[in-house]
Every structure is written in structure tokens, then in C-alpha cells.
Amino acid sequence: MKFVDNSEAAKRELERAAIRGLIKASLLVEGHAVLLAPVDKGGLRDSIGYQVNESELVAYIGTNCEYAIYVEYGTGEFAEKGSGRKGGWVYKTPNGEVHFTYGMSPQPYLRPAFRKNQKAIRDILADCLRELGG
């Protein structure tokens, strides 16, 4: 009888299954974040996406929209945990209009998209790994 070491092939198959699971779970969370994102002109919503780092088996869901953090956590006196500026401020829009504000309330979309889907994410990952067993 000859011993055959299939550990590298098994490791590659596990990694492929994990990557498939990460992609499926990322698509789920991304889709819910898009649905939850507040829409004015659609820039934030349209910028939401995911990226899977296959070498680290990690998925990132987010946006590169410059104001995304202010939407998620709020600003000024309405910011989460009271961490915003107090007393209000004046700002000028690109078209020259001047406004005064105390800030805006948080409108979370990324964190709820993840939190509401934690069980589904676990199920997706488990199913992808279970498929290896036949």
C-alpha cells in the first residue's frame, strides 16, 4: 500500500469553497446595503460594492463615496454617540447658496445590511463547505 498526500489539493478545494461562500455572502450584504442606502441623486447607492481578498480569505463591503461615513454615522449634534460638532455651522454649496445646519441624523445602511444577514451568511458559508463532502 502506498501513501498519497492529498493535503495540498484538499487545502485548495477548501479555499475555493470559502471564496465561493465569501462571494455569495458579499453579494447578499451588498444588495441589502444598496436597498438600505438613502438616495438623493444615487451617488452613494451606486458606489456600494464588494471586494474579496482571496489570499487572506476576507471580504470587504463598502463604498469609496466621500460622504458615506457621514450618512452612516450622522453629523453634528445628531452624530452617533454625541461625537459630532456642537452648535451648528454655516456652509456654502458649490452653486454659492449659504446654509446653516446642526448636522444630520445617521442613516445606517452598511452595518444593518451585515447584521440582518449574519445567519444567512453563516448558512451560505456552511453550504459551500458542505458541498465538498458530496
N, C-alpha and C. Protein backbone atom coordinates (compact mmCIF):
# COMPACT_ATOMS: atom_id res chain seq x y z
N MET A 1 0.86 -1.18 0.00
CA MET A 1 0.00 0.00 0.00
C MET A 1 0.90 1.24 0.00
N LYS A 2 0.51 2.22 -0.81
CA LYS A 2 1.30 3.44 -0.94
C LYS A 2 0.49 4.61 -0.37
N PHE A 3 1.16 5.45 0.41
CA PHE A 3 0.52 6.65 0.97
C PHE A 3 0.57 7.77 -0.05
N VAL A 4 -0.58 8.39 -0.31
CA VAL A 4 -0.66 9.52 -1.22
C VAL A 4 -1.08 10.74 -0.42
N ASP A 5 -0.27 11.76 -0.45
CA ASP A 5 -0.55 13.00 0.29
C ASP A 5 -1.39 13.94 -0.59
N ASN A 6 -2.66 14.05 -0.27
CA ASN A 6 -3.57 14.94 -0.98
C ASN A 6 -3.86 16.22 -0.20
N SER A 7 -3.05 16.52 0.79
CA SER A 7 -3.35 17.66 1.67
C SER A 7 -3.34 19.00 0.91
N GLU A 8 -2.45 19.18 -0.05
CA GLU A 8 -2.42 20.44 -0.82
C GLU A 8 -3.66 20.58 -1.68
N ALA A 9 -4.08 19.50 -2.31
CA ALA A 9 -5.30 19.55 -3.14
C ALA A 9 -6.52 19.80 -2.27
N ALA A 10 -6.55 19.18 -1.10
CA ALA A 10 -7.67 19.39 -0.18
C ALA A 10 -7.70 20.83 0.30
N LYS A 11 -6.54 21.38 0.61
CA LYS A 11 -6.46 22.78 1.05
C LYS A 11 -6.96 23.71 -0.05
N ARG A 12 -6.57 23.47 -1.30
CA ARG A 12 -7.03 24.31 -2.42
C ARG A 12 -8.54 24.23 -2.57
N GLU A 13 -9.11 23.05 -2.44
CA GLU A 13 -10.56 22.89 -2.55
C GLU A 13 -11.29 23.62 -1.42
N LEU A 14 -10.75 23.56 -0.21
CA LEU A 14 -11.33 24.30 0.92
C LEU A 14 -11.28 25.80 0.66
N GLU A 15 -10.15 26.27 0.16
CA GLU A 15 -10.02 27.70 -0.15
C GLU A 15 -11.01 28.12 -1.24
N ARG A 16 -11.15 27.31 -2.28
CA ARG A 16 -12.11 27.63 -3.35
C ARG A 16 -13.53 27.68 -2.82
N ALA A 17 -13.88 26.73 -1.96
CA ALA A 17 -15.23 26.73 -1.37
C ALA A 17 -15.43 27.96 -0.50
N ALA A 18 -14.40 28.34 0.28
CA ALA A 18 -14.51 29.54 1.12
C ALA A 18 -14.66 30.79 0.26
N ILE A 19 -13.93 30.86 -0.84
CA ILE A 19 -14.02 32.02 -1.73
C ILE A 19 -15.41 32.09 -2.35
N ARG A 20 -15.95 30.96 -2.80
CA ARG A 20 -17.31 30.94 -3.35
C ARG A 20 -18.30 31.44 -2.31
N GLY A 21 -18.13 30.99 -1.07
CA GLY A 21 -19.01 31.43 0.02
C GLY A 21 -18.89 32.92 0.29
N LEU A 22 -17.65 33.42 0.29
CA LEU A 22 -17.44 34.85 0.53
C LEU A 22 -18.08 35.69 -0.57
N ILE A 23 -17.97 35.24 -1.80
CA ILE A 23 -18.58 35.99 -2.91
C ILE A 23 -20.09 35.99 -2.77
N LYS A 24 -20.68 34.84 -2.50
CA LYS A 24 -22.15 34.76 -2.34
C LYS A 24 -22.62 35.63 -1.18
N ALA A 25 -21.93 35.54 -0.04
CA ALA A 25 -22.31 36.33 1.14
C ALA A 25 -22.12 37.82 0.87
N SER A 26 -21.04 38.18 0.17
CA SER A 26 -20.79 39.59 -0.15
C SER A 26 -21.88 40.15 -1.05
N LEU A 27 -22.30 39.37 -2.03
CA LEU A 27 -23.37 39.82 -2.91
C LEU A 27 -24.66 40.05 -2.13
N LEU A 28 -24.94 39.18 -1.17
CA LEU A 28 -26.13 39.33 -0.34
C LEU A 28 -26.07 40.63 0.46
N VAL A 29 -24.98 40.86 1.17
CA VAL A 29 -24.84 42.06 2.00
C VAL A 29 -24.80 43.31 1.13
N GLU A 30 -24.08 43.26 0.03
CA GLU A 30 -24.03 44.40 -0.89
C GLU A 30 -25.44 44.76 -1.37
N GLY A 31 -26.21 43.77 -1.75
CA GLY A 31 -27.57 44.02 -2.23
C GLY A 31 -28.44 44.67 -1.18
N HIS A 32 -28.32 44.21 0.07
CA HIS A 32 -29.13 44.82 1.13
C HIS A 32 -28.65 46.23 1.45
N ALA A 33 -27.34 46.45 1.41
CA ALA A 33 -26.82 47.81 1.66
C ALA A 33 -27.33 48.77 0.60
N VAL A 34 -27.38 48.32 -0.66
CA VAL A 34 -27.89 49.16 -1.75
C VAL A 34 -29.36 49.50 -1.50
N LEU A 35 -30.13 48.51 -1.04
CA LEU A 35 -31.55 48.76 -0.76
C LEU A 35 -31.74 49.72 0.41
N LEU A 36 -30.86 49.65 1.41
CA LEU A 36 -31.00 50.48 2.61
C LEU A 36 -30.40 51.88 2.47
N ALA A 37 -29.53 52.08 1.50
CA ALA A 37 -28.85 53.37 1.36
C ALA A 37 -29.86 54.45 0.99
N PRO A 38 -29.83 55.59 1.70
CA PRO A 38 -30.72 56.70 1.33
C PRO A 38 -30.31 57.25 -0.04
N VAL A 39 -31.28 57.69 -0.79
CA VAL A 39 -31.00 58.14 -2.16
C VAL A 39 -31.44 59.58 -2.33
N ASP A 40 -30.51 60.42 -2.74
CA ASP A 40 -30.82 61.77 -3.18
C ASP A 40 -30.61 61.77 -4.70
N LYS A 41 -29.36 61.68 -5.08
CA LYS A 41 -29.05 61.60 -6.51
C LYS A 41 -28.52 60.21 -6.89
N GLY A 42 -28.28 59.35 -5.91
CA GLY A 42 -27.88 57.98 -6.18
C GLY A 42 -26.39 57.71 -6.16
N GLY A 43 -25.58 58.73 -5.88
CA GLY A 43 -24.13 58.55 -5.88
C GLY A 43 -23.66 57.54 -4.84
N LEU A 44 -24.18 57.65 -3.64
CA LEU A 44 -23.80 56.72 -2.57
C LEU A 44 -24.26 55.31 -2.92
N ARG A 45 -25.50 55.16 -3.24
CA ARG A 45 -26.06 53.84 -3.56
C ARG A 45 -25.28 53.18 -4.69
N ASP A 46 -24.99 53.94 -5.72
CA ASP A 46 -24.31 53.38 -6.89
C ASP A 46 -22.85 53.04 -6.63
N SER A 47 -22.28 53.57 -5.55
CA SER A 47 -20.86 53.32 -5.26
C SER A 47 -20.64 52.12 -4.35
N ILE A 48 -21.69 51.53 -3.82
CA ILE A 48 -21.55 50.39 -2.91
C ILE A 48 -21.11 49.16 -3.69
N GLY A 49 -20.11 48.49 -3.16
CA GLY A 49 -19.60 47.30 -3.82
C GLY A 49 -18.87 46.39 -2.85
N TYR A 50 -18.34 45.31 -3.37
CA TYR A 50 -17.58 44.39 -2.53
C TYR A 50 -16.30 43.99 -3.23
N GLN A 51 -15.36 43.51 -2.41
CA GLN A 51 -14.10 43.01 -2.92
C GLN A 51 -13.71 41.83 -2.05
N VAL A 52 -13.31 40.73 -2.65
CA VAL A 52 -12.86 39.56 -1.91
C VAL A 52 -11.35 39.45 -2.07
N ASN A 53 -10.65 39.43 -0.96
CA ASN A 53 -9.20 39.22 -0.96
C ASN A 53 -8.97 37.72 -0.81
N GLU A 54 -8.71 37.06 -1.92
CA GLU A 54 -8.61 35.61 -1.93
C GLU A 54 -7.42 35.09 -1.13
N SER A 55 -6.32 35.83 -1.10
CA SER A 55 -5.14 35.36 -0.39
C SER A 55 -5.34 35.37 1.12
N GLU A 56 -6.20 36.27 1.62
CA GLU A 56 -6.46 36.34 3.06
C GLU A 56 -7.83 35.77 3.43
N LEU A 57 -8.62 35.36 2.42
CA LEU A 57 -9.98 34.86 2.63
C LEU A 57 -10.81 35.85 3.45
N VAL A 58 -10.82 37.10 2.96
CA VAL A 58 -11.54 38.18 3.62
C VAL A 58 -12.36 38.91 2.56
N ALA A 59 -13.56 39.34 2.93
CA ALA A 59 -14.41 40.13 2.03
C ALA A 59 -14.61 41.52 2.62
N TYR A 60 -14.61 42.50 1.76
CA TYR A 60 -14.86 43.89 2.14
C TYR A 60 -16.09 44.37 1.39
N ILE A 61 -17.05 44.92 2.12
CA ILE A 61 -18.22 45.51 1.50
C ILE A 61 -18.24 46.97 1.93
N GLY A 62 -18.33 47.88 1.00
CA GLY A 62 -18.31 49.30 1.38
C GLY A 62 -18.45 50.19 0.17
N THR A 63 -17.93 51.39 0.31
CA THR A 63 -18.05 52.40 -0.72
C THR A 63 -16.85 53.33 -0.65
N ASN A 64 -16.52 53.93 -1.77
CA ASN A 64 -15.47 54.95 -1.80
C ASN A 64 -16.07 56.35 -1.87
N CYS A 65 -17.36 56.45 -1.66
CA CYS A 65 -18.06 57.72 -1.70
C CYS A 65 -17.57 58.58 -0.52
N GLU A 66 -17.14 59.80 -0.80
CA GLU A 66 -16.51 60.63 0.23
C GLU A 66 -17.42 61.01 1.39
N TYR A 67 -18.72 61.02 1.20
CA TYR A 67 -19.63 61.41 2.28
C TYR A 67 -20.32 60.21 2.92
N ALA A 68 -19.94 59.00 2.55
CA ALA A 68 -20.61 57.79 3.05
C ALA A 68 -20.57 57.69 4.58
N ILE A 69 -19.45 58.02 5.17
CA ILE A 69 -19.32 57.90 6.62
C ILE A 69 -20.28 58.84 7.35
N TYR A 70 -20.54 60.01 6.77
CA TYR A 70 -21.44 60.98 7.39
C TYR A 70 -22.89 60.50 7.32
N VAL A 71 -23.22 59.80 6.26
CA VAL A 71 -24.57 59.23 6.14
C VAL A 71 -24.72 58.11 7.16
N GLU A 72 -23.74 57.23 7.23
CA GLU A 72 -23.82 56.06 8.13
C GLU A 72 -23.87 56.47 9.60
N TYR A 73 -23.06 57.43 10.01
CA TYR A 73 -22.94 57.79 11.43
C TYR A 73 -23.57 59.11 11.82
N GLY A 74 -24.00 59.91 10.86
CA GLY A 74 -24.57 61.22 11.16
C GLY A 74 -23.50 62.27 11.37
N THR A 75 -23.95 63.51 11.52
CA THR A 75 -23.01 64.62 11.70
C THR A 75 -23.52 65.57 12.76
N GLY A 76 -22.63 66.43 13.20
CA GLY A 76 -23.00 67.49 14.14
C GLY A 76 -23.66 66.96 15.39
N GLU A 77 -24.66 67.67 15.85
CA GLU A 77 -25.34 67.32 17.10
C GLU A 77 -26.11 66.01 17.02
N PHE A 78 -26.32 65.51 15.82
CA PHE A 78 -27.08 64.27 15.64
C PHE A 78 -26.18 63.05 15.44
N ALA A 79 -24.88 63.25 15.43
CA ALA A 79 -23.96 62.14 15.20
C ALA A 79 -24.08 61.10 16.30
N GLU A 80 -23.85 59.84 15.92
CA GLU A 80 -23.91 58.75 16.90
C GLU A 80 -22.95 59.00 18.06
N LYS A 81 -23.38 58.61 19.24
CA LYS A 81 -22.57 58.70 20.46
C LYS A 81 -22.15 60.12 20.80
N GLY A 82 -22.87 61.12 20.27
CA GLY A 82 -22.59 62.52 20.59
C GLY A 82 -21.22 63.00 20.15
N SER A 83 -20.66 62.34 19.13
CA SER A 83 -19.29 62.66 18.74
C SER A 83 -19.18 63.80 17.72
N GLY A 84 -20.28 64.40 17.33
CA GLY A 84 -20.24 65.45 16.32
C GLY A 84 -20.05 66.84 16.89
N ARG A 85 -19.86 67.77 15.99
CA ARG A 85 -19.68 69.18 16.33
C ARG A 85 -20.97 69.73 16.94
N LYS A 86 -20.84 70.57 17.94
CA LYS A 86 -22.00 71.17 18.62
C LYS A 86 -22.16 72.62 18.19
N GLY A 87 -23.41 73.09 18.22
CA GLY A 87 -23.67 74.50 17.97
C GLY A 87 -23.97 74.89 16.54
N GLY A 88 -23.87 73.97 15.62
CA GLY A 88 -24.19 74.26 14.24
C GLY A 88 -23.06 74.96 13.50
N TRP A 89 -23.23 75.07 12.19
CA TRP A 89 -22.24 75.73 11.36
C TRP A 89 -22.88 76.17 10.04
N VAL A 90 -22.18 77.05 9.37
CA VAL A 90 -22.63 77.58 8.09
C VAL A 90 -21.75 76.96 7.00
N TYR A 91 -22.37 76.63 5.88
CA TYR A 91 -21.60 76.13 4.74
C TYR A 91 -22.18 76.68 3.44
N LYS A 92 -21.33 76.69 2.43
CA LYS A 92 -21.74 77.20 1.12
C LYS A 92 -21.69 76.04 0.12
N THR A 93 -22.76 75.90 -0.66
CA THR A 93 -22.81 74.86 -1.69
C THR A 93 -21.98 75.30 -2.88
N PRO A 94 -21.64 74.36 -3.77
CA PRO A 94 -20.86 74.72 -4.96
C PRO A 94 -21.52 75.79 -5.83
N ASN A 95 -22.85 75.88 -5.78
CA ASN A 95 -23.51 76.91 -6.59
C ASN A 95 -23.66 78.24 -5.85
N GLY A 96 -23.03 78.34 -4.65
CA GLY A 96 -22.98 79.61 -3.94
C GLY A 96 -24.05 79.83 -2.88
N GLU A 97 -24.98 78.91 -2.71
CA GLU A 97 -26.01 79.06 -1.68
C GLU A 97 -25.40 78.85 -0.30
N VAL A 98 -25.82 79.67 0.66
CA VAL A 98 -25.32 79.57 2.03
C VAL A 98 -26.41 78.93 2.89
N HIS A 99 -25.99 77.97 3.73
CA HIS A 99 -26.92 77.25 4.60
C HIS A 99 -26.36 77.17 6.01
N PHE A 100 -27.27 77.04 6.99
CA PHE A 100 -26.90 76.79 8.38
C PHE A 100 -27.46 75.43 8.76
N THR A 101 -26.69 74.64 9.50
CA THR A 101 -27.17 73.33 9.93
C THR A 101 -26.62 72.96 11.30
N TYR A 102 -27.38 72.12 11.99
CA TYR A 102 -26.89 71.50 13.23
C TYR A 102 -26.39 70.09 12.94
N GLY A 103 -26.46 69.69 11.69
CA GLY A 103 -26.00 68.36 11.29
C GLY A 103 -27.15 67.52 10.77
N MET A 104 -26.87 66.24 10.58
CA MET A 104 -27.93 65.34 10.11
C MET A 104 -27.89 64.04 10.90
N SER A 105 -29.04 63.44 11.03
CA SER A 105 -29.17 62.18 11.75
C SER A 105 -28.51 61.05 10.97
N PRO A 106 -28.02 60.04 11.68
CA PRO A 106 -27.45 58.88 10.99
C PRO A 106 -28.51 58.15 10.18
N GLN A 107 -28.10 57.62 9.06
CA GLN A 107 -28.96 56.79 8.21
C GLN A 107 -28.17 55.53 7.85
N PRO A 108 -27.96 54.65 8.84
CA PRO A 108 -27.10 53.49 8.60
C PRO A 108 -27.64 52.58 7.50
N TYR A 109 -26.74 52.07 6.73
CA TYR A 109 -27.09 51.15 5.64
C TYR A 109 -26.11 49.98 5.57
N LEU A 110 -24.82 50.21 5.84
CA LEU A 110 -23.84 49.12 5.78
C LEU A 110 -23.94 48.18 6.99
N ARG A 111 -23.94 48.75 8.18
CA ARG A 111 -23.98 47.90 9.37
C ARG A 111 -25.27 47.09 9.46
N PRO A 112 -26.44 47.69 9.21
CA PRO A 112 -27.66 46.87 9.24
C PRO A 112 -27.67 45.79 8.15
N ALA A 113 -27.10 46.10 7.00
CA ALA A 113 -27.06 45.10 5.93
C ALA A 113 -26.27 43.87 6.37
N PHE A 114 -25.22 44.08 7.12
CA PHE A 114 -24.44 42.95 7.63
C PHE A 114 -25.17 42.28 8.80
N ARG A 115 -25.59 43.07 9.75
CA ARG A 115 -26.20 42.50 10.96
C ARG A 115 -27.46 41.70 10.68
N LYS A 116 -28.29 42.18 9.78
CA LYS A 116 -29.55 41.49 9.47
C LYS A 116 -29.32 40.19 8.71
N ASN A 117 -28.14 40.00 8.18
CA ASN A 117 -27.86 38.83 7.35
C ASN A 117 -26.85 37.87 7.96
N GLN A 118 -26.53 38.02 9.23
CA GLN A 118 -25.50 37.17 9.82
C GLN A 118 -25.83 35.68 9.74
N LYS A 119 -27.07 35.32 10.01
CA LYS A 119 -27.44 33.91 9.94
C LYS A 119 -27.34 33.41 8.50
N ALA A 120 -27.83 34.19 7.56
CA ALA A 120 -27.75 33.80 6.15
C ALA A 120 -26.30 33.67 5.70
N ILE A 121 -25.43 34.54 6.18
CA ILE A 121 -24.01 34.48 5.83
C ILE A 121 -23.41 33.18 6.36
N ARG A 122 -23.70 32.84 7.61
CA ARG A 122 -23.21 31.58 8.18
C ARG A 122 -23.73 30.39 7.36
N ASP A 123 -25.01 30.43 6.99
CA ASP A 123 -25.60 29.35 6.21
C ASP A 123 -24.94 29.22 4.83
N ILE A 124 -24.68 30.34 4.18
CA ILE A 124 -24.02 30.32 2.87
C ILE A 124 -22.65 29.69 2.98
N LEU A 125 -21.87 30.14 3.96
CA LEU A 125 -20.51 29.60 4.13
C LEU A 125 -20.55 28.12 4.46
N ALA A 126 -21.47 27.72 5.34
CA ALA A 126 -21.59 26.31 5.70
C ALA A 126 -21.99 25.47 4.49
N ASP A 127 -22.92 25.96 3.68
CA ASP A 127 -23.35 25.22 2.49
C ASP A 127 -22.20 25.04 1.50
N CYS A 128 -21.40 26.08 1.31
CA CYS A 128 -20.27 25.98 0.38
C CYS A 128 -19.25 24.96 0.86
N LEU A 129 -19.03 24.90 2.15
CA LEU A 129 -18.10 23.92 2.69
C LEU A 129 -18.71 22.52 2.68
N ARG A 130 -20.00 22.45 2.92
CA ARG A 130 -20.71 21.16 2.94
C ARG A 130 -20.70 20.51 1.55
N GLU A 131 -20.71 21.33 0.51
CA GLU A 131 -20.68 20.81 -0.86
C GLU A 131 -19.44 19.98 -1.13
N LEU A 132 -18.38 20.22 -0.37
CA LEU A 132 -17.15 19.45 -0.56
C LEU A 132 -17.34 17.99 -0.15
N GLY A 133 -18.27 17.78 0.79
CA GLY A 133 -18.48 16.42 1.29
C GLY A 133 -19.30 15.56 0.36
N GLY A 134 -19.89 16.16 -0.65
CA GLY A 134 -20.66 15.38 -1.61
C GLY A 134 -22.00 15.17 -1.17
